[in-house]
Amino acid sequence: MAEKFAVKKGDKVVVLTGKDKGKSGEVLRVVREDRRAVVSGVNMVKRHTKQSQTEQGGIVEKEAPIHLSNIAVQDPKDGKATRVGYKTLDDGRKVRFAKRSGEVIDQ
Protein backbone atom coordinates (compact mmCIF):
# COMPACT_ATOMS: atom_id res chain seq x y z
CA MET A 1 0.00 0.00 0.00
CA ALA A 2 1.22 3.52 -0.79
CA GLU A 3 2.48 5.61 2.08
CA LYS A 4 0.36 8.57 3.23
CA PHE A 5 1.96 12.02 3.01
CA ALA A 6 0.48 15.18 4.56
CA VAL A 7 1.59 17.21 1.53
CA LYS A 8 -0.09 17.09 -1.89
CA LYS A 9 0.48 18.82 -5.22
CA GLY A 10 -1.05 22.30 -5.11
CA ASP A 11 -0.73 22.73 -1.31
CA LYS A 12 0.63 25.96 0.12
CA VAL A 13 3.57 25.06 2.38
CA VAL A 14 6.07 26.80 4.70
CA VAL A 15 9.77 25.88 4.91
CA LEU A 16 10.75 24.99 8.49
CA THR A 17 14.54 24.64 8.23
CA GLY A 18 17.47 25.32 5.93
CA LYS A 19 18.56 28.27 3.81
CA ASP A 20 14.96 29.08 2.81
CA LYS A 21 13.50 28.93 6.34
CA GLY A 22 10.31 30.98 6.59
CA LYS A 23 9.64 31.08 2.85
CA SER A 24 6.38 29.72 1.53
CA GLY A 25 5.26 28.45 -1.85
CA GLU A 26 3.07 26.01 -3.70
CA VAL A 27 3.94 22.33 -4.11
CA LEU A 28 4.58 21.70 -7.82
CA ARG A 29 5.09 17.94 -7.46
CA VAL A 30 5.81 15.28 -4.84
CA VAL A 31 8.61 12.74 -5.42
CA ARG A 32 7.20 9.85 -3.40
CA GLU A 33 10.21 7.49 -3.70
CA ASP A 34 12.59 10.05 -2.16
CA ARG A 35 10.08 11.62 0.29
CA ARG A 36 10.70 15.01 -1.32
CA ALA A 37 8.64 17.80 -2.85
CA VAL A 38 9.38 20.54 -5.37
CA VAL A 39 8.11 23.89 -4.05
CA SER A 40 7.84 27.01 -6.25
CA GLY A 41 10.49 29.62 -5.44
CA VAL A 42 12.14 27.50 -2.73
CA ASN A 43 15.53 25.70 -2.77
CA MET A 44 16.60 27.40 -6.02
CA VAL A 45 19.71 25.99 -7.71
CA LYS A 46 21.68 27.12 -10.77
CA ARG A 47 22.12 24.59 -13.56
CA HIS A 48 24.37 25.01 -16.59
CA THR A 49 22.32 23.78 -19.54
CA LYS A 50 23.31 23.06 -23.09
CA GLN A 51 21.33 24.75 -25.84
CA SER A 52 18.72 22.58 -27.52
CA GLN A 53 16.33 23.15 -30.44
CA THR A 54 13.60 24.33 -28.10
CA GLU A 55 15.52 25.94 -25.22
CA GLN A 56 18.22 28.58 -24.92
CA GLY A 57 21.43 27.44 -23.25
CA GLY A 58 23.17 29.11 -20.32
CA ILE A 59 22.75 29.21 -16.56
CA VAL A 60 19.19 28.34 -15.61
CA GLU A 61 17.80 28.75 -12.10
CA LYS A 62 15.24 26.15 -11.07
CA GLU A 63 13.70 24.55 -7.99
CA ALA A 64 15.35 21.49 -6.47
CA PRO A 65 13.37 18.98 -4.38
CA ILE A 66 13.23 19.62 -0.62
CA HIS A 67 12.71 16.89 1.98
CA LEU A 68 9.16 16.57 3.33
CA SER A 69 10.42 16.77 6.93
CA ASN A 70 11.60 20.34 6.23
CA ILE A 71 8.23 21.67 5.08
CA ALA A 72 4.80 21.97 6.69
CA VAL A 73 1.36 22.73 5.30
CA GLN A 74 0.30 26.37 5.67
CA ASP A 75 -2.74 27.02 7.87
CA PRO A 76 -5.52 28.48 5.65
CA LYS A 77 -6.56 30.82 8.49
CA ASP A 78 -3.31 32.55 9.57
CA GLY A 79 -0.66 31.33 7.08
CA LYS A 80 1.55 29.71 9.74
CA ALA A 81 2.87 26.14 9.68
CA THR A 82 0.49 23.46 10.90
CA ARG A 83 0.26 19.71 11.18
CA VAL A 84 -2.38 17.84 9.21
CA GLY A 85 -5.16 15.65 10.57
CA TYR A 86 -7.81 13.60 8.81
CA LYS A 87 -11.53 13.52 9.53
CA THR A 88 -14.71 12.31 7.86
CA LEU A 89 -17.39 14.90 7.18
CA ASP A 90 -21.13 14.32 7.59
CA ASP A 91 -21.51 13.71 3.84
CA GLY A 92 -18.95 10.87 4.03
CA ARG A 93 -15.96 12.67 2.48
CA LYS A 94 -12.57 12.12 4.12
CA VAL A 95 -10.75 15.46 4.26
CA ARG A 96 -7.53 16.91 5.63
CA PHE A 97 -7.73 19.63 8.26
CA ALA A 98 -5.23 21.98 9.92
CA LYS A 99 -4.63 20.89 13.52
CA ARG A 100 -3.73 24.50 14.42
CA SER A 101 -7.12 26.06 13.58
CA GLY A 102 -9.38 23.12 12.71
CA GLU A 103 -9.91 24.61 9.25
CA VAL A 104 -10.48 22.12 6.37
CA ILE A 105 -7.60 22.12 3.84
CA ASP A 106 -9.27 20.11 1.05
CA GLN A 107 -12.18 21.88 -0.63
C-alpha atoms as a PDB file:
ATOM      1  CA  MET A   1       0.000   0.000   0.000  1.00  0.00           C
ATOM      2  CA  ALA A   2       1.218   3.520  -0.793  1.00  0.00           C
ATOM      3  CA  GLU A   3       2.477   5.606   2.083  1.00  0.00           C
ATOM      4  CA  LYS A   4       0.360   8.569   3.226  1.00  0.00           C
ATOM      5  CA  PHE A   5       1.959  12.022   3.007  1.00  0.00           C
ATOM      6  CA  ALA A   6       0.479  15.176   4.556  1.00  0.00           C
ATOM      7  CA  VAL A   7       1.590  17.213   1.532  1.00  0.00           C
ATOM      8  CA  LYS A   8      -0.087  17.090  -1.891  1.00  0.00           C
ATOM      9  CA  LYS A   9       0.477  18.823  -5.216  1.00  0.00           C
ATOM     10  CA  GLY A  10      -1.046  22.301  -5.109  1.00  0.00           C
ATOM     11  CA  ASP A  11      -0.729  22.730  -1.313  1.00  0.00           C
ATOM     12  CA  LYS A  12       0.632  25.957   0.125  1.00  0.00           C
ATOM     13  CA  VAL A  13       3.574  25.062   2.381  1.00  0.00           C
ATOM     14  CA  VAL A  14       6.065  26.795   4.700  1.00  0.00           C
ATOM     15  CA  VAL A  15       9.774  25.879   4.908  1.00  0.00           C
ATOM     16  CA  LEU A  16      10.751  24.992   8.491  1.00  0.00           C
ATOM     17  CA  THR A  17      14.544  24.639   8.231  1.00  0.00           C
ATOM     18  CA  GLY A  18      17.468  25.322   5.927  1.00  0.00           C
ATOM     19  CA  LYS A  19      18.556  28.275   3.808  1.00  0.00           C
ATOM     20  CA  ASP A  20      14.959  29.084   2.805  1.00  0.00           C
ATOM     21  CA  LYS A  21      13.501  28.933   6.343  1.00  0.00           C
ATOM     22  CA  GLY A  22      10.308  30.980   6.595  1.00  0.00           C
ATOM     23  CA  LYS A  23       9.644  31.077   2.855  1.00  0.00           C
ATOM     24  CA  SER A  24       6.383  29.723   1.525  1.00  0.00           C
ATOM     25  CA  GLY A  25       5.265  28.450  -1.847  1.00  0.00           C
ATOM     26  CA  GLU A  26       3.065  26.007  -3.695  1.00  0.00           C
ATOM     27  CA  VAL A  27       3.943  22.329  -4.111  1.00  0.00           C
ATOM     28  CA  LEU A  28       4.580  21.696  -7.817  1.00  0.00           C
ATOM     29  CA  ARG A  29       5.094  17.944  -7.456  1.00  0.00           C
ATOM     30  CA  VAL A  30       5.806  15.281  -4.841  1.00  0.00           C
ATOM     31  CA  VAL A  31       8.613  12.744  -5.421  1.00  0.00           C
ATOM     32  CA  ARG A  32       7.205   9.845  -3.396  1.00  0.00           C
ATOM     33  CA  GLU A  33      10.211   7.486  -3.702  1.00  0.00           C
ATOM     34  CA  ASP A  34      12.593  10.050  -2.160  1.00  0.00           C
ATOM     35  CA  ARG A  35      10.077  11.624   0.290  1.00  0.00           C
ATOM     36  CA  ARG A  36      10.703  15.009  -1.316  1.00  0.00           C
ATOM     37  CA  ALA A  37       8.640  17.803  -2.852  1.00  0.00           C
ATOM     38  CA  VAL A  38       9.381  20.545  -5.368  1.00  0.00           C
ATOM     39  CA  VAL A  39       8.109  23.895  -4.049  1.00  0.00           C
ATOM     40  CA  SER A  40       7.841  27.007  -6.246  1.00  0.00           C
ATOM     41  CA  GLY A  41      10.487  29.619  -5.436  1.00  0.00           C
ATOM     42  CA  VAL A  42      12.141  27.500  -2.734  1.00  0.00           C
ATOM     43  CA  ASN A  43      15.530  25.701  -2.768  1.00  0.00           C
ATOM     44  CA  MET A  44      16.600  27.397  -6.017  1.00  0.00           C
ATOM     45  CA  VAL A  45      19.715  25.990  -7.712  1.00  0.00           C
ATOM     46  CA  LYS A  46      21.677  27.118 -10.769  1.00  0.00           C
ATOM     47  CA  ARG A  47      22.125  24.590 -13.563  1.00  0.00           C
ATOM     48  CA  HIS A  48      24.371  25.007 -16.590  1.00  0.00           C
ATOM     49  CA  THR A  49      22.324  23.776 -19.536  1.00  0.00           C
ATOM     50  CA  LYS A  50      23.307  23.055 -23.090  1.00  0.00           C
ATOM     51  CA  GLN A  51      21.332  24.748 -25.844  1.00  0.00           C
ATOM     52  CA  SER A  52      18.716  22.582 -27.520  1.00  0.00           C
ATOM     53  CA  GLN A  53      16.330  23.145 -30.436  1.00  0.00           C
ATOM     54  CA  THR A  54      13.597  24.328 -28.102  1.00  0.00           C
ATOM     55  CA  GLU A  55      15.523  25.937 -25.225  1.00  0.00           C
ATOM     56  CA  GLN A  56      18.215  28.582 -24.921  1.00  0.00           C
ATOM     57  CA  GLY A  57      21.431  27.443 -23.255  1.00  0.00           C
ATOM     58  CA  GLY A  58      23.168  29.108 -20.318  1.00  0.00           C
ATOM     59  CA  ILE A  59      22.750  29.215 -16.564  1.00  0.00           C
ATOM     60  CA  VAL A  60      19.190  28.341 -15.610  1.00  0.00           C
ATOM     61  CA  GLU A  61      17.802  28.754 -12.104  1.00  0.00           C
ATOM     62  CA  LYS A  62      15.242  26.148 -11.065  1.00  0.00           C
ATOM     63  CA  GLU A  63      13.703  24.549  -7.990  1.00  0.00           C
ATOM     64  CA  ALA A  64      15.349  21.490  -6.470  1.00  0.00           C
ATOM     65  CA  PRO A  65      13.368  18.978  -4.383  1.00  0.00           C
ATOM     66  CA  ILE A  66      13.230  19.615  -0.622  1.00  0.00           C
ATOM     67  CA  HIS A  67      12.707  16.885   1.981  1.00  0.00           C
ATOM     68  CA  LEU A  68       9.159  16.570   3.326  1.00  0.00           C
ATOM     69  CA  SER A  69      10.421  16.771   6.932  1.00  0.00           C
ATOM     70  CA  ASN A  70      11.596  20.339   6.230  1.00  0.00           C
ATOM     71  CA  ILE A  71       8.228  21.670   5.080  1.00  0.00           C
ATOM     72  CA  ALA A  72       4.801  21.974   6.694  1.00  0.00           C
ATOM     73  CA  VAL A  73       1.355  22.732   5.298  1.00  0.00           C
ATOM     74  CA  GLN A  74       0.296  26.372   5.666  1.00  0.00           C
ATOM     75  CA  ASP A  75      -2.745  27.020   7.873  1.00  0.00           C
ATOM     76  CA  PRO A  76      -5.518  28.482   5.654  1.00  0.00           C
ATOM     77  CA  LYS A  77      -6.560  30.823   8.493  1.00  0.00           C
ATOM     78  CA  ASP A  78      -3.311  32.554   9.567  1.00  0.00           C
ATOM     79  CA  GLY A  79      -0.658  31.327   7.084  1.00  0.00           C
ATOM     80  CA  LYS A  80       1.555  29.715   9.737  1.00  0.00           C
ATOM     81  CA  ALA A  81       2.873  26.144   9.676  1.00  0.00           C
ATOM     82  CA  THR A  82       0.491  23.460  10.897  1.00  0.00           C
ATOM     83  CA  ARG A  83       0.256  19.712  11.182  1.00  0.00           C
ATOM     84  CA  VAL A  84      -2.381  17.842   9.215  1.00  0.00           C
ATOM     85  CA  GLY A  85      -5.161  15.651  10.566  1.00  0.00           C
ATOM     86  CA  TYR A  86      -7.813  13.599   8.809  1.00  0.00           C
ATOM     87  CA  LYS A  87     -11.531  13.519   9.535  1.00  0.00           C
ATOM     88  CA  THR A  88     -14.706  12.309   7.863  1.00  0.00           C
ATOM     89  CA  LEU A  89     -17.388  14.902   7.178  1.00  0.00           C
ATOM     90  CA  ASP A  90     -21.127  14.322   7.593  1.00  0.00           C
ATOM     91  CA  ASP A  91     -21.509  13.712   3.843  1.00  0.00           C
ATOM     92  CA  GLY A  92     -18.948  10.868   4.026  1.00  0.00           C
ATOM     93  CA  ARG A  93     -15.962  12.666   2.483  1.00  0.00           C
ATOM     94  CA  LYS A  94     -12.568  12.118   4.121  1.00  0.00           C
ATOM     95  CA  VAL A  95     -10.747  15.460   4.260  1.00  0.00           C
ATOM     96  CA  ARG A  96      -7.527  16.907   5.632  1.00  0.00           C
ATOM     97  CA  PHE A  97      -7.727  19.631   8.264  1.00  0.00           C
ATOM     98  CA  ALA A  98      -5.235  21.979   9.923  1.00  0.00           C
ATOM     99  CA  LYS A  99      -4.626  20.895  13.516  1.00  0.00           C
ATOM    100  CA  ARG A 100      -3.730  24.502  14.422  1.00  0.00           C
ATOM    101  CA  SER A 101      -7.116  26.065  13.575  1.00  0.00           C
ATOM    102  CA  GLY A 102      -9.377  23.121  12.715  1.00  0.00           C
ATOM    103  CA  GLU A 103      -9.909  24.608   9.249  1.00  0.00           C
ATOM    104  CA  VAL A 104     -10.481  22.120   6.369  1.00  0.00           C
ATOM    105  CA  ILE A 105      -7.600  22.122   3.838  1.00  0.00           C
ATOM    106  CA  ASP A 106      -9.267  20.107   1.050  1.00  0.00           C
ATOM    107  CA  GLN A 107     -12.180  21.884  -0.635  1.00  0.00           C
END
